[in-house]
Amino acid sequence: MPTIYKILSETMWNKARKDGVFQGSEVDLRDGFIHFSTASQALETAAKHFSSQRDLVLLYVDTERLGAALKWEPSRGGALFPHLYGDLALTAVTESAPLPLGADGIHVFPSLKD
């Protein structure tokens, strides 16, 4: 099962669980798709877009449950990033974990799966 990752605020995650679906962050809604990262991209994504932010959650998402709405498109430096053109059904989320800040101000990641 290929896994991709979504970093979002605890507030957004709580709303998604209440609503039964995640429709995207402000950036996702502006861009027209939900941004994800692979295991090898997640740390850089956290550093670049979520620097010093607390109360974050990391979602583990099964790509096989996303269907044709998932597209792999070039982004940072031409690397292919997963983008979901539609809402994220919570049935595709296999796990969630807190993403705390370490004493050095860098997020402490749980173990990631490819």
N, C-alpha and C. Protein backbone atom coordinates (compact mmCIF):
# COMPACT_ATOMS: atom_id res chain seq x y z
N MET A 1 0.85 -1.20 0.00
CA MET A 1 0.00 0.00 0.00
C MET A 1 0.88 1.24 0.00
N PRO A 2 0.96 1.96 -1.11
CA PRO A 2 1.73 3.21 -1.14
C PRO A 2 1.06 4.26 -0.24
N THR A 3 1.87 4.90 0.57
CA THR A 3 1.36 5.90 1.51
C THR A 3 1.89 7.28 1.15
N ILE A 4 1.01 8.28 1.21
CA ILE A 4 1.40 9.68 1.08
C ILE A 4 0.95 10.39 2.35
N TYR A 5 1.39 11.64 2.51
CA TYR A 5 1.20 12.34 3.78
C TYR A 5 0.60 13.72 3.59
N LYS A 6 -0.23 14.09 4.55
CA LYS A 6 -0.81 15.44 4.59
C LYS A 6 -0.52 16.02 5.96
N ILE A 7 0.05 17.21 5.98
CA ILE A 7 0.28 17.95 7.23
C ILE A 7 -0.82 18.99 7.34
N LEU A 8 -1.49 19.02 8.47
CA LEU A 8 -2.54 20.01 8.69
C LEU A 8 -2.64 20.33 10.17
N SER A 9 -3.35 21.40 10.47
CA SER A 9 -3.50 21.79 11.87
C SER A 9 -4.44 20.83 12.58
N GLU A 10 -4.26 20.73 13.87
CA GLU A 10 -5.14 19.89 14.68
C GLU A 10 -6.59 20.36 14.55
N THR A 11 -6.79 21.67 14.46
CA THR A 11 -8.13 22.24 14.29
C THR A 11 -8.77 21.74 13.00
N MET A 12 -8.01 21.76 11.89
CA MET A 12 -8.54 21.28 10.61
C MET A 12 -8.86 19.78 10.67
N TRP A 13 -8.00 19.02 11.33
CA TRP A 13 -8.21 17.58 11.44
C TRP A 13 -9.46 17.29 12.26
N ASN A 14 -9.64 18.02 13.35
CA ASN A 14 -10.85 17.83 14.17
C ASN A 14 -12.11 18.16 13.38
N LYS A 15 -12.05 19.22 12.57
CA LYS A 15 -13.20 19.59 11.73
C LYS A 15 -13.47 18.51 10.70
N ALA A 16 -12.43 17.99 10.08
CA ALA A 16 -12.59 16.94 9.07
C ALA A 16 -13.23 15.70 9.69
N ARG A 17 -12.78 15.33 10.88
CA ARG A 17 -13.36 14.15 11.54
C ARG A 17 -14.83 14.39 11.87
N LYS A 18 -15.16 15.61 12.26
CA LYS A 18 -16.56 15.95 12.56
C LYS A 18 -17.41 15.91 11.29
N ASP A 19 -16.84 16.44 10.17
CA ASP A 19 -17.56 16.52 8.90
C ASP A 19 -17.54 15.20 8.12
N GLY A 20 -16.58 14.33 8.44
CA GLY A 20 -16.44 13.07 7.72
C GLY A 20 -15.66 13.17 6.43
N VAL A 21 -15.07 14.35 6.16
CA VAL A 21 -14.31 14.57 4.93
C VAL A 21 -13.37 15.77 5.15
N PHE A 22 -12.22 15.76 4.46
CA PHE A 22 -11.33 16.91 4.48
C PHE A 22 -11.37 17.55 3.11
N GLN A 23 -11.80 18.83 3.08
CA GLN A 23 -11.95 19.53 1.81
C GLN A 23 -10.72 20.34 1.43
N GLY A 24 -9.77 20.46 2.33
CA GLY A 24 -8.53 21.16 2.03
C GLY A 24 -8.31 22.37 2.90
N SER A 25 -7.04 22.77 2.96
CA SER A 25 -6.65 23.98 3.68
C SER A 25 -6.89 25.19 2.78
N GLU A 26 -6.62 26.38 3.28
CA GLU A 26 -6.77 27.59 2.44
C GLU A 26 -5.91 27.48 1.19
N VAL A 27 -4.68 27.01 1.35
CA VAL A 27 -3.77 26.87 0.20
C VAL A 27 -4.31 25.84 -0.78
N ASP A 28 -4.80 24.72 -0.26
CA ASP A 28 -5.37 23.69 -1.14
C ASP A 28 -6.55 24.24 -1.93
N LEU A 29 -7.44 24.93 -1.24
CA LEU A 29 -8.63 25.48 -1.90
C LEU A 29 -8.24 26.51 -2.95
N ARG A 30 -7.25 27.32 -2.64
CA ARG A 30 -6.77 28.33 -3.60
C ARG A 30 -6.17 27.66 -4.84
N ASP A 31 -5.40 26.59 -4.63
CA ASP A 31 -4.72 25.94 -5.75
C ASP A 31 -5.62 24.97 -6.52
N GLY A 32 -6.75 24.58 -5.94
CA GLY A 32 -7.69 23.70 -6.63
C GLY A 32 -7.43 22.22 -6.45
N PHE A 33 -6.53 21.88 -5.54
CA PHE A 33 -6.25 20.47 -5.22
C PHE A 33 -5.65 20.40 -3.83
N ILE A 34 -5.69 19.21 -3.23
CA ILE A 34 -5.10 19.00 -1.91
C ILE A 34 -3.66 18.55 -2.09
N HIS A 35 -2.75 19.27 -1.46
CA HIS A 35 -1.31 18.98 -1.53
C HIS A 35 -0.96 17.84 -0.58
N PHE A 36 -0.16 16.90 -1.07
CA PHE A 36 0.38 15.82 -0.26
C PHE A 36 1.88 15.76 -0.49
N SER A 37 2.55 14.94 0.33
CA SER A 37 3.98 14.69 0.17
C SER A 37 4.22 13.20 0.29
N THR A 38 5.31 12.75 -0.33
CA THR A 38 5.77 11.37 -0.13
C THR A 38 6.60 11.35 1.15
N ALA A 39 7.02 10.16 1.57
CA ALA A 39 7.86 10.04 2.76
C ALA A 39 9.14 10.85 2.60
N SER A 40 9.73 10.83 1.42
CA SER A 40 10.99 11.55 1.21
C SER A 40 10.81 13.06 1.09
N GLN A 41 9.58 13.53 0.88
CA GLN A 41 9.30 14.96 0.73
C GLN A 41 8.73 15.60 1.99
N ALA A 42 8.22 14.81 2.91
CA ALA A 42 7.45 15.33 4.05
C ALA A 42 8.26 16.25 4.97
N LEU A 43 9.51 15.91 5.26
CA LEU A 43 10.31 16.74 6.16
C LEU A 43 10.56 18.11 5.56
N GLU A 44 10.88 18.15 4.27
CA GLU A 44 11.11 19.43 3.59
C GLU A 44 9.82 20.24 3.53
N THR A 45 8.69 19.57 3.30
CA THR A 45 7.40 20.26 3.27
C THR A 45 7.12 20.91 4.62
N ALA A 46 7.37 20.18 5.69
CA ALA A 46 7.14 20.74 7.04
C ALA A 46 8.03 21.95 7.28
N ALA A 47 9.31 21.84 6.91
CA ALA A 47 10.25 22.94 7.13
C ALA A 47 9.89 24.16 6.28
N LYS A 48 9.47 23.93 5.05
CA LYS A 48 9.19 25.04 4.12
C LYS A 48 7.85 25.72 4.38
N HIS A 49 6.81 24.93 4.67
CA HIS A 49 5.47 25.50 4.75
C HIS A 49 4.87 25.57 6.16
N PHE A 50 5.50 24.88 7.13
CA PHE A 50 4.93 24.82 8.48
C PHE A 50 5.97 25.15 9.55
N SER A 51 7.00 25.88 9.17
CA SER A 51 8.09 26.21 10.08
C SER A 51 7.56 26.82 11.39
N SER A 52 8.00 26.27 12.49
CA SER A 52 7.68 26.76 13.85
C SER A 52 6.21 26.61 14.24
N GLN A 53 5.39 25.99 13.41
CA GLN A 53 3.97 25.85 13.75
C GLN A 53 3.77 24.68 14.71
N ARG A 54 2.95 24.94 15.69
CA ARG A 54 2.61 23.92 16.68
C ARG A 54 1.23 23.35 16.36
N ASP A 55 0.84 22.33 17.10
CA ASP A 55 -0.50 21.73 16.97
C ASP A 55 -0.78 21.22 15.56
N LEU A 56 0.22 20.54 14.99
CA LEU A 56 0.04 19.95 13.67
C LEU A 56 -0.20 18.45 13.79
N VAL A 57 -0.84 17.92 12.75
CA VAL A 57 -1.13 16.50 12.66
C VAL A 57 -0.61 16.00 11.32
N LEU A 58 -0.09 14.79 11.32
CA LEU A 58 0.37 14.15 10.09
C LEU A 58 -0.60 13.02 9.76
N LEU A 59 -1.20 13.10 8.56
CA LEU A 59 -2.09 12.04 8.10
C LEU A 59 -1.35 11.09 7.18
N TYR A 60 -1.57 9.81 7.37
CA TYR A 60 -1.06 8.76 6.49
C TYR A 60 -2.22 8.40 5.57
N VAL A 61 -2.02 8.49 4.28
CA VAL A 61 -3.11 8.30 3.33
C VAL A 61 -2.73 7.20 2.33
N ASP A 62 -3.63 6.24 2.15
CA ASP A 62 -3.45 5.13 1.22
C ASP A 62 -3.80 5.60 -0.19
N THR A 63 -2.80 5.66 -1.06
CA THR A 63 -3.03 6.15 -2.43
C THR A 63 -4.01 5.28 -3.20
N GLU A 64 -4.06 4.00 -2.89
CA GLU A 64 -4.95 3.10 -3.62
C GLU A 64 -6.42 3.40 -3.37
N ARG A 65 -6.71 4.11 -2.29
CA ARG A 65 -8.10 4.46 -1.97
C ARG A 65 -8.53 5.81 -2.56
N LEU A 66 -7.63 6.48 -3.28
CA LEU A 66 -7.93 7.81 -3.81
C LEU A 66 -8.42 7.79 -5.25
N GLY A 67 -8.12 6.75 -5.98
CA GLY A 67 -8.60 6.63 -7.36
C GLY A 67 -7.96 7.61 -8.31
N ALA A 68 -8.69 7.88 -9.38
CA ALA A 68 -8.18 8.71 -10.48
C ALA A 68 -8.04 10.18 -10.13
N ALA A 69 -8.60 10.61 -9.01
CA ALA A 69 -8.50 12.02 -8.60
C ALA A 69 -7.09 12.37 -8.13
N LEU A 70 -6.25 11.35 -7.87
CA LEU A 70 -4.87 11.58 -7.45
C LEU A 70 -3.98 11.70 -8.68
N LYS A 71 -3.28 12.82 -8.77
CA LYS A 71 -2.36 13.08 -9.89
C LYS A 71 -0.97 13.34 -9.34
N TRP A 72 0.04 12.88 -10.04
CA TRP A 72 1.44 13.15 -9.68
C TRP A 72 1.94 14.23 -10.62
N GLU A 73 2.28 15.40 -10.04
CA GLU A 73 2.63 16.56 -10.87
C GLU A 73 3.93 17.20 -10.39
N PRO A 74 4.69 17.78 -11.32
CA PRO A 74 5.96 18.42 -10.94
C PRO A 74 5.72 19.65 -10.07
N SER A 75 6.59 19.80 -9.09
CA SER A 75 6.55 20.97 -8.20
C SER A 75 7.99 21.33 -7.88
N ARG A 76 8.32 21.51 -6.60
CA ARG A 76 9.67 21.91 -6.18
C ARG A 76 10.76 21.22 -6.97
N GLY A 77 11.51 21.99 -7.71
CA GLY A 77 12.66 21.44 -8.43
C GLY A 77 12.30 20.36 -9.44
N GLY A 78 11.05 20.31 -9.87
CA GLY A 78 10.63 19.33 -10.86
C GLY A 78 10.25 17.97 -10.27
N ALA A 79 10.38 17.81 -8.95
CA ALA A 79 9.99 16.54 -8.31
C ALA A 79 8.48 16.35 -8.44
N LEU A 80 8.06 15.10 -8.59
CA LEU A 80 6.63 14.80 -8.68
C LEU A 80 6.02 14.75 -7.29
N PHE A 81 4.94 15.51 -7.11
CA PHE A 81 4.21 15.55 -5.85
C PHE A 81 2.79 15.04 -6.08
N PRO A 82 2.23 14.36 -5.08
CA PRO A 82 0.85 13.90 -5.19
C PRO A 82 -0.14 15.03 -4.90
N HIS A 83 -1.09 15.21 -5.81
CA HIS A 83 -2.14 16.22 -5.66
C HIS A 83 -3.50 15.53 -5.84
N LEU A 84 -4.41 15.81 -4.94
CA LEU A 84 -5.74 15.21 -5.01
C LEU A 84 -6.74 16.24 -5.50
N TYR A 85 -7.36 15.97 -6.65
CA TYR A 85 -8.36 16.87 -7.22
C TYR A 85 -9.73 16.42 -6.74
N GLY A 86 -10.06 16.82 -5.54
CA GLY A 86 -11.32 16.46 -4.90
C GLY A 86 -11.13 16.42 -3.40
N ASP A 87 -12.17 16.08 -2.70
CA ASP A 87 -12.11 15.98 -1.24
C ASP A 87 -11.38 14.71 -0.83
N LEU A 88 -10.78 14.76 0.36
CA LEU A 88 -10.14 13.58 0.93
C LEU A 88 -11.15 12.85 1.80
N ALA A 89 -11.59 11.68 1.33
CA ALA A 89 -12.48 10.85 2.14
C ALA A 89 -11.66 10.28 3.29
N LEU A 90 -12.20 10.33 4.49
CA LEU A 90 -11.45 9.86 5.66
C LEU A 90 -11.21 8.36 5.62
N THR A 91 -11.92 7.64 4.78
CA THR A 91 -11.67 6.20 4.63
C THR A 91 -10.30 5.94 4.00
N ALA A 92 -9.70 6.94 3.36
CA ALA A 92 -8.37 6.81 2.78
C ALA A 92 -7.27 7.07 3.80
N VAL A 93 -7.63 7.65 4.95
CA VAL A 93 -6.65 7.95 6.01
C VAL A 93 -6.48 6.69 6.85
N THR A 94 -5.28 6.14 6.84
CA THR A 94 -5.03 4.90 7.57
C THR A 94 -4.52 5.14 8.98
N GLU A 95 -4.00 6.35 9.21
CA GLU A 95 -3.39 6.65 10.50
C GLU A 95 -3.23 8.17 10.61
N SER A 96 -3.18 8.66 11.85
CA SER A 96 -2.84 10.06 12.10
C SER A 96 -1.92 10.10 13.30
N ALA A 97 -1.04 11.10 13.31
CA ALA A 97 -0.09 11.22 14.41
C ALA A 97 0.21 12.69 14.66
N PRO A 98 0.44 13.05 15.93
CA PRO A 98 0.84 14.43 16.21
C PRO A 98 2.20 14.71 15.58
N LEU A 99 2.42 15.96 15.22
CA LEU A 99 3.68 16.39 14.62
C LEU A 99 4.25 17.52 15.47
N PRO A 100 4.83 17.18 16.62
CA PRO A 100 5.29 18.20 17.56
C PRO A 100 6.59 18.86 17.10
N LEU A 101 6.85 20.03 17.69
CA LEU A 101 8.12 20.72 17.47
C LEU A 101 9.13 20.22 18.49
N GLY A 102 10.33 19.96 18.02
CA GLY A 102 11.41 19.59 18.93
C GLY A 102 11.99 20.84 19.58
N ALA A 103 12.86 20.65 20.53
CA ALA A 103 13.52 21.77 21.23
C ALA A 103 14.28 22.66 20.25
N ASP A 104 14.71 22.08 19.12
CA ASP A 104 15.46 22.84 18.11
C ASP A 104 14.55 23.57 17.13
N GLY A 105 13.21 23.47 17.33
CA GLY A 105 12.27 24.15 16.46
C GLY A 105 11.93 23.39 15.18
N ILE A 106 12.43 22.17 15.06
CA ILE A 106 12.16 21.33 13.89
C ILE A 106 11.14 20.27 14.28
N HIS A 107 10.21 19.99 13.39
CA HIS A 107 9.17 19.00 13.69
C HIS A 107 9.76 17.61 13.88
N VAL A 108 9.21 16.90 14.85
CA VAL A 108 9.64 15.54 15.15
C VAL A 108 8.66 14.58 14.50
N PHE A 109 9.13 13.90 13.46
CA PHE A 109 8.28 13.00 12.68
C PHE A 109 8.23 11.61 13.28
N PRO A 110 7.06 10.99 13.23
CA PRO A 110 6.99 9.57 13.55
C PRO A 110 7.61 8.80 12.38
N SER A 111 7.64 7.49 12.48
CA SER A 111 8.20 6.72 11.37
C SER A 111 7.26 6.82 10.16
N LEU A 112 7.87 6.97 9.00
CA LEU A 112 7.12 7.13 7.75
C LEU A 112 7.23 5.87 6.92
N LYS A 113 6.19 5.58 6.14
CA LYS A 113 6.16 4.42 5.25
C LYS A 113 6.20 4.90 3.81
N ASP A 114 6.81 4.12 2.95
CA ASP A 114 6.80 4.47 1.52
C ASP A 114 5.54 3.98 0.88
